[in-house]
């Protein structure tokens, strides 16, 4: 394993971590919006 390979692996790992963080952030936003909608519907007098 050369230094170049190590750099490639680091770059790939960094991208994977960034993608995972973005997915978590998106999931968080979806849950937030869903919660707001549910609370709004629950508050509305039917």
Protein backbone atom coordinates (compact mmCIF):
# COMPACT_ATOMS: atom_id res chain seq x y z
CA UNK A 1 0.00 0.00 0.00
CA UNK A 2 1.53 3.28 -1.14
CA UNK A 3 0.88 6.79 0.14
CA UNK A 4 -1.25 7.50 -2.93
CA UNK A 5 -3.56 4.59 -2.05
CA UNK A 6 -3.88 5.94 1.48
CA UNK A 7 -4.89 9.34 0.15
CA UNK A 8 -7.49 7.74 -2.12
CA UNK A 9 -8.97 5.76 0.78
CA UNK A 10 -9.06 8.87 2.98
CA UNK A 11 -10.82 10.82 0.23
CA UNK A 12 -13.35 8.03 -0.26
CA UNK A 13 -13.98 7.71 3.48
CA UNK A 14 -14.45 11.47 3.74
CA UNK A 15 -17.03 11.38 0.96
CA UNK A 16 -18.87 8.49 2.62
CA UNK A 17 -18.99 10.34 5.95
CA UNK A 18 -20.16 13.54 4.23
CA UNK A 19 -22.91 11.63 2.42
CA UNK A 20 -24.02 9.98 5.68
CA UNK A 21 -24.14 13.35 7.45
CA UNK A 22 -26.19 14.84 4.60
CA UNK A 23 -28.62 11.91 4.78
CA UNK A 24 -28.95 12.32 8.56
CA UNK A 25 -29.58 16.04 8.13
CA UNK A 26 -32.24 15.37 5.48
CA UNK A 27 -33.89 12.78 7.73
CA UNK A 28 -33.86 15.27 10.62
CA UNK A 29 -35.55 17.92 8.46
CA UNK A 30 -38.19 15.44 7.26
CA UNK A 31 -38.97 14.43 10.86
CA UNK A 32 -39.14 18.10 11.91
CA UNK A 33 -41.55 18.99 9.09
CA UNK A 34 -43.64 15.87 9.76
CA UNK A 35 -43.86 16.74 13.47
CA UNK A 36 -44.91 20.33 12.68
CA UNK A 37 -47.63 19.11 10.29
CA UNK A 38 -48.91 16.54 12.80
CA UNK A 39 -49.01 19.14 15.60
CA UNK A 40 -50.74 21.63 13.29
CA UNK A 41 -53.37 19.04 12.33
CA UNK A 42 -53.83 18.06 15.99
CA UNK A 43 -54.31 21.71 16.98
CA UNK A 44 -56.88 22.39 14.27
CA UNK A 45 -60.47 22.02 15.47
CA UNK A 46 -62.01 19.40 13.22
